[in-house]
Amino acid sequence: MSWWETPLFRLGDSPVTVLSVIILSVTVLVSAIGARALRAGLVRVLRRGGATDEGRAYSIGRIVEYLVFTGGILIGLENVGVSLTALAAVGAVLSVGIGFGLQNIAQNFISGVILLIERPVSQGDVIQVGENLGRVEEIGLRATRVLTFDGISVLVPNSRLISEDVRNLQLPTSRNRLRVGVGVAYGSDLSLVRKILGEVAGADRRVLTEPAPRVFFQSFGDSSLDFELAVWIDDAWARPIVASDLRFAIDAAFRRHGVTIPFPQRDLHLVSGLPGRASEEA
């Protein structure tokens, strides 16, 4: 008996030899490469001509990749003489002992499949999960990679995207509302303030004309009259940039028209002649 035919261990009635391990390893490697190549080709075909959006093409490609890879592993096991029935029995026994340890992995895997099928979030969407706000770069088997506005790649477990509140700034459409608050001094011409804010919004080409920008008089603050400029944009990734540019433009316009943005202040009044003052001095 050659060394590559020497049994290493048995799975049920099936001996596992060195040769079978090599064949299985090659089969798994070829399946992985083939599945990835098939996904890339399928995504290119689906994107061609704009018939399918990028997120849907990515989801379909990922699902096909997982199916082909899993099928390749099963075929490889059969070819090396490993009984899938025996393997299932061994897996059932092992799952009892390590089930709790694999619970999170299985949960994230199932959540990843749900994400690809239901598509509550897709590749390219701008989402917020907890304090993490960024663009979805890749939906993997275990976690989703999100690129934040600071250029930091964050791995978010897929189960969080299913079980927690997730803000998707791309749904139901790419249009989303941006709010910029500003306070003006008491005694300011409020009609002028509203006009200036409207002109600032209209001068920015990234601000949509429909729905139209709105100016809200929010409240009488402690030190200022508080306004809010609400505009609609169609690029969620540009929200911080647009908000910053609007604030620069508002400050410049207020300076040109003599509108004051006050700083927080308190008035202190000293009251003299309090009761009991004269008796204390006597």
C-alpha atoms as a PDB file:
ATOM      1  CA  MET A   1       0.000   0.000   0.000  1.00  0.00           C
ATOM      2  CA  SER A   2       1.371   3.374  -1.042  1.00  0.00           C
ATOM      3  CA  TRP A   3       1.752   6.124   1.541  1.00  0.00           C
ATOM      4  CA  TRP A   4      -0.913   8.257  -0.115  1.00  0.00           C
ATOM      5  CA  GLU A   5      -3.387   5.402   0.267  1.00  0.00           C
ATOM      6  CA  THR A   6      -2.784   5.070   3.992  1.00  0.00           C
ATOM      7  CA  PRO A   7      -6.005   5.782   5.928  1.00  0.00           C
ATOM      8  CA  LEU A   8      -5.701   8.755   8.247  1.00  0.00           C
ATOM      9  CA  PHE A   9      -9.079   8.304   9.937  1.00  0.00           C
ATOM     10  CA  ARG A  10     -12.566   7.123   9.128  1.00  0.00           C
ATOM     11  CA  LEU A  11     -15.870   8.926   8.721  1.00  0.00           C
ATOM     12  CA  GLY A  12     -18.414   6.212   9.341  1.00  0.00           C
ATOM     13  CA  ASP A  13     -17.495   3.420   6.912  1.00  0.00           C
ATOM     14  CA  SER A  14     -15.459   5.715   4.676  1.00  0.00           C
ATOM     15  CA  PRO A  15     -11.659   5.818   5.132  1.00  0.00           C
ATOM     16  CA  VAL A  16     -10.006   9.189   4.645  1.00  0.00           C
ATOM     17  CA  THR A  17      -6.570   8.818   3.022  1.00  0.00           C
ATOM     18  CA  VAL A  18      -3.793  11.257   2.185  1.00  0.00           C
ATOM     19  CA  LEU A  19      -4.810  11.097  -1.478  1.00  0.00           C
ATOM     20  CA  SER A  20      -8.448  11.834  -0.686  1.00  0.00           C
ATOM     21  CA  VAL A  21      -7.416  14.849   1.401  1.00  0.00           C
ATOM     22  CA  ILE A  22      -5.305  16.157  -1.501  1.00  0.00           C
ATOM     23  CA  ILE A  23      -8.141  15.607  -3.986  1.00  0.00           C
ATOM     24  CA  LEU A  24     -10.615  17.296  -1.673  1.00  0.00           C
ATOM     25  CA  SER A  25      -8.283  20.266  -1.140  1.00  0.00           C
ATOM     26  CA  VAL A  26      -7.819  20.722  -4.889  1.00  0.00           C
ATOM     27  CA  THR A  27     -11.579  20.408  -5.431  1.00  0.00           C
ATOM     28  CA  VAL A  28     -12.317  23.046  -2.795  1.00  0.00           C
ATOM     29  CA  LEU A  29      -9.682  25.379  -4.264  1.00  0.00           C
ATOM     30  CA  VAL A  30     -11.009  24.962  -7.808  1.00  0.00           C
ATOM     31  CA  SER A  31     -14.584  25.434  -6.567  1.00  0.00           C
ATOM     32  CA  ALA A  32     -13.639  28.651  -4.775  1.00  0.00           C
ATOM     33  CA  ILE A  33     -11.824  30.070  -7.811  1.00  0.00           C
ATOM     34  CA  GLY A  34     -14.565  28.966 -10.192  1.00  0.00           C
ATOM     35  CA  ALA A  35     -17.352  30.345  -7.984  1.00  0.00           C
ATOM     36  CA  ARG A  36     -15.618  33.702  -7.695  1.00  0.00           C
ATOM     37  CA  ALA A  37     -14.975  33.883 -11.442  1.00  0.00           C
ATOM     38  CA  LEU A  38     -18.594  32.945 -12.163  1.00  0.00           C
ATOM     39  CA  ARG A  39     -19.804  35.665  -9.781  1.00  0.00           C
ATOM     40  CA  ALA A  40     -17.631  38.302 -11.449  1.00  0.00           C
ATOM     41  CA  GLY A  41     -18.805  37.283 -14.928  1.00  0.00           C
ATOM     42  CA  LEU A  42     -22.450  37.159 -13.892  1.00  0.00           C
ATOM     43  CA  VAL A  43     -22.262  40.604 -12.293  1.00  0.00           C
ATOM     44  CA  ARG A  44     -20.730  42.051 -15.467  1.00  0.00           C
ATOM     45  CA  VAL A  45     -23.482  40.534 -17.600  1.00  0.00           C
ATOM     46  CA  LEU A  46     -26.239  41.792 -15.299  1.00  0.00           C
ATOM     47  CA  ARG A  47     -24.774  45.304 -15.193  1.00  0.00           C
ATOM     48  CA  ARG A  48     -24.371  45.468 -18.959  1.00  0.00           C
ATOM     49  CA  GLY A  49     -26.854  47.843 -20.495  1.00  0.00           C
ATOM     50  CA  GLY A  50     -28.145  48.986 -17.105  1.00  0.00           C
ATOM     51  CA  ALA A  51     -30.829  46.278 -17.030  1.00  0.00           C
ATOM     52  CA  THR A  52     -30.059  45.488 -13.372  1.00  0.00           C
ATOM     53  CA  ASP A  53     -28.923  47.944 -10.709  1.00  0.00           C
ATOM     54  CA  GLU A  54     -25.549  47.459  -9.066  1.00  0.00           C
ATOM     55  CA  GLY A  55     -26.918  46.308  -5.707  1.00  0.00           C
ATOM     56  CA  ARG A  56     -29.170  43.637  -7.212  1.00  0.00           C
ATOM     57  CA  ALA A  57     -26.413  42.379  -9.516  1.00  0.00           C
ATOM     58  CA  TYR A  58     -24.056  42.107  -6.539  1.00  0.00           C
ATOM     59  CA  SER A  59     -26.629  40.169  -4.477  1.00  0.00           C
ATOM     60  CA  ILE A  60     -27.404  37.707  -7.278  1.00  0.00           C
ATOM     61  CA  GLY A  61     -23.707  37.169  -7.924  1.00  0.00           C
ATOM     62  CA  ARG A  62     -22.982  36.493  -4.256  1.00  0.00           C
ATOM     63  CA  ILE A  63     -25.814  33.969  -3.907  1.00  0.00           C
ATOM     64  CA  VAL A  64     -24.664  32.099  -7.033  1.00  0.00           C
ATOM     65  CA  GLU A  65     -21.085  32.098  -5.712  1.00  0.00           C
ATOM     66  CA  TYR A  66     -22.139  30.550  -2.398  1.00  0.00           C
ATOM     67  CA  LEU A  67     -24.282  27.902  -4.120  1.00  0.00           C
ATOM     68  CA  VAL A  68     -21.528  26.902  -6.552  1.00  0.00           C
ATOM     69  CA  PHE A  69     -18.897  26.773  -3.815  1.00  0.00           C
ATOM     70  CA  THR A  70     -21.103  24.667  -1.529  1.00  0.00           C
ATOM     71  CA  GLY A  71     -21.971  22.328  -4.405  1.00  0.00           C
ATOM     72  CA  GLY A  72     -18.297  21.933  -5.258  1.00  0.00           C
ATOM     73  CA  ILE A  73     -17.465  20.919  -1.689  1.00  0.00           C
ATOM     74  CA  LEU A  74     -20.254  18.328  -1.629  1.00  0.00           C
ATOM     75  CA  ILE A  75     -19.168  16.887  -4.980  1.00  0.00           C
ATOM     76  CA  GLY A  76     -15.578  16.757  -3.768  1.00  0.00           C
ATOM     77  CA  LEU A  77     -16.589  14.841  -0.662  1.00  0.00           C
ATOM     78  CA  GLU A  78     -18.519  12.332  -2.745  1.00  0.00           C
ATOM     79  CA  ASN A  79     -15.618  11.872  -5.166  1.00  0.00           C
ATOM     80  CA  VAL A  80     -13.151  10.991  -2.406  1.00  0.00           C
ATOM     81  CA  GLY A  81     -15.555   8.397  -1.046  1.00  0.00           C
ATOM     82  CA  VAL A  82     -16.876  10.313   1.938  1.00  0.00           C
ATOM     83  CA  SER A  83     -20.495   9.407   2.535  1.00  0.00           C
ATOM     84  CA  LEU A  84     -22.569  12.533   2.941  1.00  0.00           C
ATOM     85  CA  THR A  85     -24.938  10.581   5.152  1.00  0.00           C
ATOM     86  CA  ALA A  86     -22.105   9.644   7.477  1.00  0.00           C
ATOM     87  CA  LEU A  87     -20.778  13.175   7.357  1.00  0.00           C
ATOM     88  CA  ALA A  88     -24.195  14.513   8.294  1.00  0.00           C
ATOM     89  CA  ALA A  89     -24.326  12.130  11.240  1.00  0.00           C
ATOM     90  CA  VAL A  90     -20.907  13.255  12.448  1.00  0.00           C
ATOM     91  CA  GLY A  91     -21.920  16.868  11.979  1.00  0.00           C
ATOM     92  CA  ALA A  92     -25.040  16.328  14.043  1.00  0.00           C
ATOM     93  CA  VAL A  93     -22.983  14.884  16.884  1.00  0.00           C
ATOM     94  CA  LEU A  94     -20.448  17.700  16.737  1.00  0.00           C
ATOM     95  CA  SER A  95     -23.136  20.348  16.578  1.00  0.00           C
ATOM     96  CA  VAL A  96     -24.408  19.270  19.977  1.00  0.00           C
ATOM     97  CA  GLY A  97     -21.025  19.912  21.563  1.00  0.00           C
ATOM     98  CA  ILE A  98     -20.004  23.073  19.728  1.00  0.00           C
ATOM     99  CA  GLY A  99     -23.416  24.435  18.848  1.00  0.00           C
ATOM    100  CA  PHE A 100     -23.203  27.247  21.344  1.00  0.00           C
ATOM    101  CA  GLY A 101     -19.770  28.231  20.115  1.00  0.00           C
ATOM    102  CA  LEU A 102     -20.943  28.375  16.491  1.00  0.00           C
ATOM    103  CA  GLN A 103     -24.227  30.058  17.289  1.00  0.00           C
ATOM    104  CA  ASN A 104     -23.006  33.563  16.473  1.00  0.00           C
ATOM    105  CA  ILE A 105     -21.268  32.399  13.292  1.00  0.00           C
ATOM    106  CA  ALA A 106     -24.395  30.608  12.081  1.00  0.00           C
ATOM    107  CA  GLN A 107     -26.548  33.592  12.982  1.00  0.00           C
ATOM    108  CA  ASN A 108     -24.313  35.968  11.037  1.00  0.00           C
ATOM    109  CA  PHE A 109     -24.214  33.600   8.046  1.00  0.00           C
ATOM    110  CA  ILE A 110     -28.005  33.290   7.916  1.00  0.00           C
ATOM    111  CA  SER A 111     -28.313  37.056   8.335  1.00  0.00           C
ATOM    112  CA  GLY A 112     -25.910  37.528   5.423  1.00  0.00           C
ATOM    113  CA  VAL A 113     -28.088  35.343   3.194  1.00  0.00           C
ATOM    114  CA  ILE A 114     -31.174  37.318   4.267  1.00  0.00           C
ATOM    115  CA  LEU A 115     -29.395  40.575   3.418  1.00  0.00           C
ATOM    116  CA  LEU A 116     -28.572  39.316  -0.061  1.00  0.00           C
ATOM    117  CA  ILE A 117     -32.115  38.067  -0.723  1.00  0.00           C
ATOM    118  CA  GLU A 118     -34.272  40.765   0.882  1.00  0.00           C
ATOM    119  CA  ARG A 119     -31.752  43.565   0.254  1.00  0.00           C
ATOM    120  CA  PRO A 120     -32.630  45.924   3.122  1.00  0.00           C
ATOM    121  CA  VAL A 121     -29.110  47.190   2.488  1.00  0.00           C
ATOM    122  CA  SER A 122     -27.079  46.749  -0.688  1.00  0.00           C
ATOM    123  CA  GLN A 123     -23.565  47.410  -1.847  1.00  0.00           C
ATOM    124  CA  GLY A 124     -23.091  51.145  -2.310  1.00  0.00           C
ATOM    125  CA  ASP A 125     -25.829  52.187   0.135  1.00  0.00           C
ATOM    126  CA  VAL A 126     -25.052  54.819   2.758  1.00  0.00           C
ATOM    127  CA  ILE A 127     -26.235  53.477   6.105  1.00  0.00           C
ATOM    128  CA  GLN A 128     -25.979  54.248   9.801  1.00  0.00           C
ATOM    129  CA  VAL A 129     -25.674  51.463  12.380  1.00  0.00           C
ATOM    130  CA  GLY A 130     -25.277  52.850  15.873  1.00  0.00           C
ATOM    131  CA  GLU A 131     -22.556  55.493  15.633  1.00  0.00           C
ATOM    132  CA  ASN A 132     -21.138  54.100  12.386  1.00  0.00           C
ATOM    133  CA  LEU A 133     -22.195  56.057   9.295  1.00  0.00           C
ATOM    134  CA  GLY A 134     -20.733  55.136   5.934  1.00  0.00           C
ATOM    135  CA  ARG A 135     -21.023  53.345   2.605  1.00  0.00           C
ATOM    136  CA  VAL A 136     -21.551  49.573   2.273  1.00  0.00           C
ATOM    137  CA  GLU A 137     -18.485  48.214   0.483  1.00  0.00           C
ATOM    138  CA  GLU A 138     -19.071  44.463   0.705  1.00  0.00           C
ATOM    139  CA  ILE A 139     -21.611  42.049   2.202  1.00  0.00           C
ATOM    140  CA  GLY A 140     -19.696  38.942   3.261  1.00  0.00           C
ATOM    141  CA  LEU A 141     -20.656  35.616   4.788  1.00  0.00           C
ATOM    142  CA  ARG A 142     -20.093  36.756   8.361  1.00  0.00           C
ATOM    143  CA  ALA A 143     -19.924  40.540   8.316  1.00  0.00           C
ATOM    144  CA  THR A 144     -20.553  43.589   6.166  1.00  0.00           C
ATOM    145  CA  ARG A 145     -17.718  46.010   5.473  1.00  0.00           C
ATOM    146  CA  VAL A 146     -18.690  49.674   5.814  1.00  0.00           C
ATOM    147  CA  LEU A 147     -16.385  52.525   4.795  1.00  0.00           C
ATOM    148  CA  THR A 148     -16.957  55.546   7.040  1.00  0.00           C
ATOM    149  CA  PHE A 149     -16.648  59.198   6.035  1.00  0.00           C
ATOM    150  CA  ASP A 150     -13.252  59.217   7.769  1.00  0.00           C
ATOM    151  CA  GLY A 151     -11.959  56.498   5.436  1.00  0.00           C
ATOM    152  CA  ILE A 152     -12.063  53.820   8.162  1.00  0.00           C
ATOM    153  CA  SER A 153     -13.238  50.327   7.217  1.00  0.00           C
ATOM    154  CA  VAL A 154     -15.630  48.936   9.851  1.00  0.00           C
ATOM    155  CA  LEU A 155     -16.782  45.308   9.950  1.00  0.00           C
ATOM    156  CA  VAL A 156     -20.400  45.121  11.106  1.00  0.00           C
ATOM    157  CA  PRO A 157     -21.728  41.622  11.987  1.00  0.00           C
ATOM    158  CA  ASN A 158     -24.578  40.740   9.628  1.00  0.00           C
ATOM    159  CA  SER A 159     -26.873  39.910  12.537  1.00  0.00           C
ATOM    160  CA  ARG A 160     -26.739  43.561  13.658  1.00  0.00           C
ATOM    161  CA  LEU A 161     -28.054  44.693  10.282  1.00  0.00           C
ATOM    162  CA  ILE A 162     -31.062  42.400  10.756  1.00  0.00           C
ATOM    163  CA  SER A 163     -31.823  42.778  14.459  1.00  0.00           C
ATOM    164  CA  GLU A 164     -30.954  46.445  15.115  1.00  0.00           C
ATOM    165  CA  ASP A 165     -32.334  49.712  13.793  1.00  0.00           C
ATOM    166  CA  VAL A 166     -30.484  50.596  10.607  1.00  0.00           C
ATOM    167  CA  ARG A 167     -30.854  53.916   8.781  1.00  0.00           C
ATOM    168  CA  ASN A 168     -30.518  53.453   5.043  1.00  0.00           C
ATOM    169  CA  LEU A 169     -30.130  56.872   3.447  1.00  0.00           C
ATOM    170  CA  GLN A 170     -30.609  55.372  -0.024  1.00  0.00           C
ATOM    171  CA  LEU A 171     -34.118  53.989   0.569  1.00  0.00           C
ATOM    172  CA  PRO A 172     -36.788  54.333  -0.658  1.00  0.00           C
ATOM    173  CA  THR A 173     -34.914  56.719  -2.994  1.00  0.00           C
ATOM    174  CA  SER A 174     -31.501  58.351  -3.034  1.00  0.00           C
ATOM    175  CA  ARG A 175     -33.096  61.703  -2.110  1.00  0.00           C
ATOM    176  CA  ASN A 176     -32.807  62.630   1.553  1.00  0.00           C
ATOM    177  CA  ARG A 177     -33.371  65.713   3.643  1.00  0.00           C
ATOM    178  CA  LEU A 178     -30.567  67.753   5.146  1.00  0.00           C
ATOM    179  CA  ARG A 179     -31.183  70.202   7.996  1.00  0.00           C
ATOM    180  CA  VAL A 180     -28.919  73.120   8.916  1.00  0.00           C
ATOM    181  CA  GLY A 181     -29.688  75.130  12.047  1.00  0.00           C
ATOM    182  CA  VAL A 182     -28.695  78.745  12.687  1.00  0.00           C
ATOM    183  CA  GLY A 183     -29.561  81.391  15.273  1.00  0.00           C
ATOM    184  CA  VAL A 184     -29.897  85.162  14.770  1.00  0.00           C
ATOM    185  CA  ALA A 185     -29.953  87.982  17.290  1.00  0.00           C
ATOM    186  CA  TYR A 186     -33.191  89.239  18.788  1.00  0.00           C
ATOM    187  CA  GLY A 187     -34.416  92.254  16.852  1.00  0.00           C
ATOM    188  CA  SER A 188     -33.252  90.912  13.477  1.00  0.00           C
ATOM    189  CA  ASP A 189     -35.423  91.331  10.385  1.00  0.00           C
ATOM    190  CA  LEU A 190     -36.964  87.850  10.193  1.00  0.00           C
ATOM    191  CA  SER A 191     -38.259  88.334   6.656  1.00  0.00           C
ATOM    192  CA  LEU A 192     -34.729  89.172   5.555  1.00  0.00           C
ATOM    193  CA  VAL A 193     -33.376  86.130   7.389  1.00  0.00           C
ATOM    194  CA  ARG A 194     -35.846  83.849   5.617  1.00  0.00           C
ATOM    195  CA  LYS A 195     -34.993  85.419   2.256  1.00  0.00           C
ATOM    196  CA  ILE A 196     -31.248  85.010   2.795  1.00  0.00           C
ATOM    197  CA  LEU A 197     -31.561  81.350   3.786  1.00  0.00           C
ATOM    198  CA  GLY A 198     -33.712  80.643   0.746  1.00  0.00           C
ATOM    199  CA  GLU A 199     -31.224  82.337  -1.571  1.00  0.00           C
ATOM    200  CA  VAL A 200     -28.308  80.405  -0.071  1.00  0.00           C
ATOM    201  CA  ALA A 201     -30.131  77.116  -0.675  1.00  0.00           C
ATOM    202  CA  GLY A 202     -31.051  78.095  -4.229  1.00  0.00           C
ATOM    203  CA  ALA A 203     -27.475  79.027  -5.088  1.00  0.00           C
ATOM    204  CA  ASP A 204     -26.143  75.536  -4.295  1.00  0.00           C
ATOM    205  CA  ARG A 205     -26.422  73.275  -7.357  1.00  0.00           C
ATOM    206  CA  ARG A 206     -26.486  70.136  -5.204  1.00  0.00           C
ATOM    207  CA  VAL A 207     -29.729  71.243  -3.532  1.00  0.00           C
ATOM    208  CA  LEU A 208     -32.806  69.920  -5.332  1.00  0.00           C
ATOM    209  CA  THR A 209     -35.505  72.321  -6.451  1.00  0.00           C
ATOM    210  CA  GLU A 210     -38.174  69.669  -5.923  1.00  0.00           C
ATOM    211  CA  PRO A 211     -39.007  69.215  -3.099  1.00  0.00           C
ATOM    212  CA  ALA A 212     -38.242  72.887  -2.592  1.00  0.00           C
ATOM    213  CA  PRO A 213     -36.023  74.134   0.263  1.00  0.00           C
ATOM    214  CA  ARG A 214     -37.919  75.217   3.370  1.00  0.00           C
ATOM    215  CA  VAL A 215     -37.057  77.691   6.133  1.00  0.00           C
ATOM    216  CA  PHE A 216     -38.493  77.008   9.585  1.00  0.00           C
ATOM    217  CA  PHE A 217     -38.614  79.382  12.552  1.00  0.00           C
ATOM    218  CA  GLN A 218     -37.971  76.818  15.245  1.00  0.00           C
ATOM    219  CA  SER A 219     -37.994  78.606  18.572  1.00  0.00           C
ATOM    220  CA  PHE A 220     -37.263  81.651  20.708  1.00  0.00           C
ATOM    221  CA  GLY A 221     -33.951  80.576  22.193  1.00  0.00           C
ATOM    222  CA  ASP A 222     -32.229  81.867  25.301  1.00  0.00           C
ATOM    223  CA  SER A 223     -29.848  84.013  23.260  1.00  0.00           C
ATOM    224  CA  SER A 224     -31.135  83.808  19.689  1.00  0.00           C
ATOM    225  CA  LEU A 225     -34.052  83.326  17.347  1.00  0.00           C
ATOM    226  CA  ASP A 226     -33.498  79.806  16.046  1.00  0.00           C
ATOM    227  CA  PHE A 227     -34.050  78.943  12.378  1.00  0.00           C
ATOM    228  CA  GLU A 228     -33.628  75.753  10.391  1.00  0.00           C
ATOM    229  CA  LEU A 229     -32.899  75.455   6.680  1.00  0.00           C
ATOM    230  CA  ALA A 230     -34.188  72.134   5.304  1.00  0.00           C
ATOM    231  CA  VAL A 231     -33.058  71.083   1.831  1.00  0.00           C
ATOM    232  CA  TRP A 232     -33.165  67.908  -0.247  1.00  0.00           C
ATOM    233  CA  ILE A 233     -30.118  66.368  -1.907  1.00  0.00           C
ATOM    234  CA  ASP A 234     -29.687  63.190  -3.954  1.00  0.00           C
ATOM    235  CA  ASP A 235     -26.222  62.173  -2.736  1.00  0.00           C
ATOM    236  CA  ALA A 236     -26.230  60.869   0.830  1.00  0.00           C
ATOM    237  CA  TRP A 237     -22.436  60.524   0.774  1.00  0.00           C
ATOM    238  CA  ALA A 238     -22.131  64.295   0.294  1.00  0.00           C
ATOM    239  CA  ARG A 239     -24.256  65.234   3.328  1.00  0.00           C
ATOM    240  CA  PRO A 240     -21.390  66.487   5.553  1.00  0.00           C
ATOM    241  CA  ILE A 241     -19.840  68.459   2.679  1.00  0.00           C
ATOM    242  CA  VAL A 242     -23.112  70.083   1.610  1.00  0.00           C
ATOM    243  CA  ALA A 243     -23.993  70.965   5.215  1.00  0.00           C
ATOM    244  CA  SER A 244     -20.575  72.556   5.749  1.00  0.00           C
ATOM    245  CA  ASP A 245     -20.763  74.550   2.511  1.00  0.00           C
ATOM    246  CA  LEU A 246     -24.238  75.818   3.394  1.00  0.00           C
ATOM    247  CA  ARG A 247     -22.996  77.018   6.790  1.00  0.00           C
ATOM    248  CA  PHE A 248     -20.107  78.892   5.139  1.00  0.00           C
ATOM    249  CA  ALA A 249     -22.520  80.490   2.671  1.00  0.00           C
ATOM    250  CA  ILE A 250     -25.010  81.439   5.407  1.00  0.00           C
ATOM    251  CA  ASP A 251     -22.312  83.119   7.494  1.00  0.00           C
ATOM    252  CA  ALA A 252     -21.023  85.085   4.487  1.00  0.00           C
ATOM    253  CA  ALA A 253     -24.539  86.171   3.471  1.00  0.00           C
ATOM    254  CA  PHE A 254     -25.421  87.255   7.012  1.00  0.00           C
ATOM    255  CA  ARG A 255     -22.246  89.370   7.175  1.00  0.00           C
ATOM    256  CA  ARG A 256     -23.087  91.092   3.895  1.00  0.00           C
ATOM    257  CA  HIS A 257     -26.602  91.972   5.091  1.00  0.00           C
ATOM    258  CA  GLY A 258     -25.638  92.875   8.658  1.00  0.00           C
ATOM    259  CA  VAL A 259     -27.469  89.963  10.297  1.00  0.00           C
ATOM    260  CA  THR A 260     -25.854  89.014  13.597  1.00  0.00           C
ATOM    261  CA  ILE A 261     -25.320  85.452  14.800  1.00  0.00           C
ATOM    262  CA  PRO A 262     -25.186  85.913  18.596  1.00  0.00           C
ATOM    263  CA  PHE A 263     -23.071  84.000  21.046  1.00  0.00           C
ATOM    264  CA  PRO A 264     -24.660  82.544  24.202  1.00  0.00           C
ATOM    265  CA  GLN A 265     -25.030  85.185  26.893  1.00  0.00           C
ATOM    266  CA  ARG A 266     -26.769  85.811  30.194  1.00  0.00           C
ATOM    267  CA  ASP A 267     -28.030  89.092  31.662  1.00  0.00           C
ATOM    268  CA  LEU A 268     -27.397  89.510  35.392  1.00  0.00           C
ATOM    269  CA  HIS A 269     -29.579  91.993  37.296  1.00  0.00           C
ATOM    270  CA  LEU A 270     -28.510  93.146  40.791  1.00  0.00           C
ATOM    271  CA  VAL A 271     -31.463  94.060  42.987  1.00  0.00           C
ATOM    272  CA  SER A 272     -30.812  96.511  45.867  1.00  0.00           C
ATOM    273  CA  GLY A 273     -32.962  97.341  48.875  1.00  0.00           C
ATOM    274  CA  LEU A 274     -33.766  93.754  49.794  1.00  0.00           C
ATOM    275  CA  PRO A 275     -35.880  93.275  52.957  1.00  0.00           C
ATOM    276  CA  GLY A 276     -33.732  92.946  56.073  1.00  0.00           C
ATOM    277  CA  ARG A 277     -30.815  94.852  54.558  1.00  0.00           C
ATOM    278  CA  ALA A 278     -31.191  97.926  56.795  1.00  0.00           C
ATOM    279  CA  SER A 279     -31.500  95.911  60.003  1.00  0.00           C
ATOM    280  CA  GLU A 280     -28.326  93.991  59.194  1.00  0.00           C
ATOM    281  CA  GLU A 281     -26.365  97.215  58.652  1.00  0.00           C
ATOM    282  CA  ALA A 282     -27.672  98.679  61.925  1.00  0.00           C
END
